[in-house]
Structure formats: structure tokens, C-alpha cells
């Protein structure tokens, strides 16, 4: 029983992803909410798993509607190993992280549209529900899903030190 308590009390390195609908730019915030540093990792946001048909609208022509916004890092650029290439109509973005200290964030703006027939330029909390966040650290893969509050938490391994 004491072993179970010890394991349950171990510090974790968790990643929280938040989606903030905005006009004219939507924002994603990736934060290390754990107690230890997150090592180098690839973080992939996959909107295709949301049932509302979400896409990134980054150019004036293409799959998106009305207003578009290209990918733009607004915080934590120093934690990235370069910028991803995002094409208009893509549903997946992968970020190559150098690592994140506890409470450190990477934030970027972009336009997200829905293609499911609703109000296409506005993505509500429930429309992003089901989109996934995958964190890959070497051979270890952990996945979380956005819920109705536009947040996803990826539970990662216990801290190593």
C-alpha cells in the first residue's frame, strides 16, 4: 500500500494545451504544468479528430473562409527548434520543442475555421472537443484530447530527478 502512495505522489511532467477563440486571431498555449522540466519533444496538434471539421486558415485563398491568419509565435519562441510549415487547409501542426521548464509556455496565433456547416469563422469550445495533442519524446508517445472547455492535458512520465 505504501508503494502505491509513493507512486501516486510522484512528480509528473505534464503538458496542457489550451485553445482560445479570438478575433481576428485564435491562440494556442502549450504549458508545462508539471513539477519538472519537459525534455526535447515533438508536440502535434491534430484538429482532424474533432467532429466539426476544423482546419487552419492561413491564406486568403484556399480552404478557409473570410479572415485568415498565418502561424505566428507570440511567446516562448526560444523553446522551439524552428517554425512549422502550415499550409492553408491543414489540420495538423507539429512543434519541435527544445524542452520546457515547469510553468513555461509556448504560445502561437493562427486562424482556425470549422468546415462542418456552423459559423465557420468562430470555433466554440465544443467544436474543438475531440481534437488531439500528442507528445513524442524519443520512443515514448502520450496523447490527450481537447474537452468541451478547449483544454487538453497530456500526462507524461514521472520526473527522473
Foldseek 3Di string as FASTA:
>chain_A
DVVVVVQVPFWFFKWKWFWAWDPPKIKIKIARQTDFKFAWKKKKWAQCQFPQAKFFAADPDDDADDDWHHKAKDDDPVQFPDAWDGDGGHRMTMTGGRIAGHGGMTMIITFMFTPNPDRGRTQALNRSFRTKMWIGDPPDIWMWTRHSNRMTMTTDDGDPD
